[in-house]
Protein backbone atom coordinates (compact mmCIF):
# COMPACT_ATOMS: atom_id res chain seq x y z
CA MET A 1 -86.53 45.03 55.61
CA ALA A 2 -89.07 47.35 53.99
CA ALA A 3 -86.85 50.37 54.63
CA GLN A 4 -83.95 48.59 52.93
CA LEU A 5 -86.10 47.78 49.91
CA ASP A 6 -87.42 51.33 49.74
CA LYS A 7 -83.83 52.54 49.41
CA ALA A 8 -82.73 49.84 46.96
CA TRP A 9 -85.91 49.83 44.89
CA PRO A 10 -87.61 53.23 45.24
CA TRP A 11 -90.40 52.20 42.87
CA VAL A 12 -91.51 49.41 45.25
CA SER A 13 -93.13 50.05 48.62
CA THR A 14 -95.22 48.22 51.20
CA ALA A 15 -98.91 48.68 51.74
CA VAL A 16 -100.51 48.92 55.15
CA ASP A 17 -101.32 45.21 55.05
CA GLY A 18 -97.68 44.32 54.30
CA ARG A 19 -98.11 43.38 50.64
CA TRP A 20 -95.70 44.75 48.03
CA TYR A 21 -97.04 47.18 45.51
CA ASN A 22 -95.82 49.68 42.98
CA PRO A 23 -97.02 53.11 44.05
CA PHE A 24 -96.35 54.59 40.61
CA MET A 25 -98.38 52.19 38.47
CA PRO A 26 -101.74 53.97 38.74
CA MET A 27 -100.34 57.50 38.71
CA GLU A 28 -97.58 57.48 36.09
CA THR A 29 -97.26 56.26 32.55
CA GLU A 30 -94.77 53.52 31.74
CA LYS A 31 -92.57 56.11 30.05
CA GLN A 32 -92.56 58.29 33.17
CA ARG A 33 -91.68 55.29 35.36
CA ALA A 34 -88.85 54.32 32.99
CA ILE A 35 -87.42 57.83 33.04
CA LYS A 36 -87.61 57.92 36.85
CA ALA A 37 -85.78 54.58 37.08
CA LEU A 38 -83.10 55.68 34.62
CA ARG A 39 -82.48 58.86 36.59
CA THR A 40 -81.46 56.70 39.57
CA LEU A 41 -78.56 55.21 37.60
CA PRO A 42 -75.08 56.63 38.18
CA ASP A 43 -73.73 59.10 35.62
CA ASP A 44 -71.28 56.54 34.25
CA ALA A 45 -73.98 53.90 33.64
CA THR A 46 -73.93 52.15 30.28
CA ILE A 47 -76.79 51.41 27.91
CA GLU A 48 -76.56 47.80 29.13
CA ASP A 49 -77.02 49.03 32.72
CA ALA A 50 -80.13 50.95 31.66
CA ILE A 51 -81.59 47.97 29.81
CA GLU A 52 -80.87 45.70 32.76
CA ARG A 53 -82.59 48.12 35.16
CA LEU A 54 -85.67 48.46 32.94
CA CYS A 55 -85.95 44.68 32.44
CA PHE A 56 -85.60 44.16 36.18
CA ILE A 57 -88.40 46.63 36.91
CA ALA A 58 -90.61 45.07 34.23
CA LYS A 59 -90.14 41.62 35.79
CA ILE A 60 -90.97 42.91 39.27
CA GLU A 61 -94.09 44.65 38.02
CA GLU A 62 -95.20 41.52 36.14
CA GLY A 63 -94.68 39.44 39.29
CA LEU A 64 -96.70 41.92 41.32
CA ARG A 65 -99.54 41.77 38.77
CA GLN A 66 -99.46 37.97 38.85
CA SER A 67 -99.47 37.96 42.64
CA GLU A 68 -102.42 40.35 42.80
CA ALA A 69 -104.28 38.12 40.31
CA GLY A 70 -103.67 35.12 42.55
CA CYS A 71 -101.30 33.40 40.11
CA VAL A 72 -98.91 32.19 42.79
CA VAL A 73 -97.58 28.87 44.04
CA PRO A 74 -97.58 28.39 47.82
CA HIS A 75 -94.15 28.17 49.44
CA GLU A 76 -94.77 24.62 50.68
CA GLU A 77 -95.64 23.49 47.14
CA VAL A 78 -92.42 24.97 45.77
CA LYS A 79 -90.43 23.18 48.48
CA LYS A 80 -92.11 19.87 47.53
CA GLN A 81 -91.30 20.40 43.86
CA PHE A 82 -87.61 21.01 44.64
CA LEU A 83 -87.34 18.05 46.99
CA THR A 84 -88.86 15.51 44.59
């Protein structure tokens, strides 16, 4: 699965312990990461495609930050919330 994600989302990788992380966050500025993501779009991509890609990346990065900070809900708790 990790290899599939590495191809689909090159800005996301797995750490040795299996957690997801963004290898570019500490090394690149947000502008550099945005440019790198936009370069992966096809040549016929629209402005809407670019905005969608950048918003998607921003949401992933925010989720990763929340996860690292421990702001998560256990899977079993989510299941309980959906079943009640």
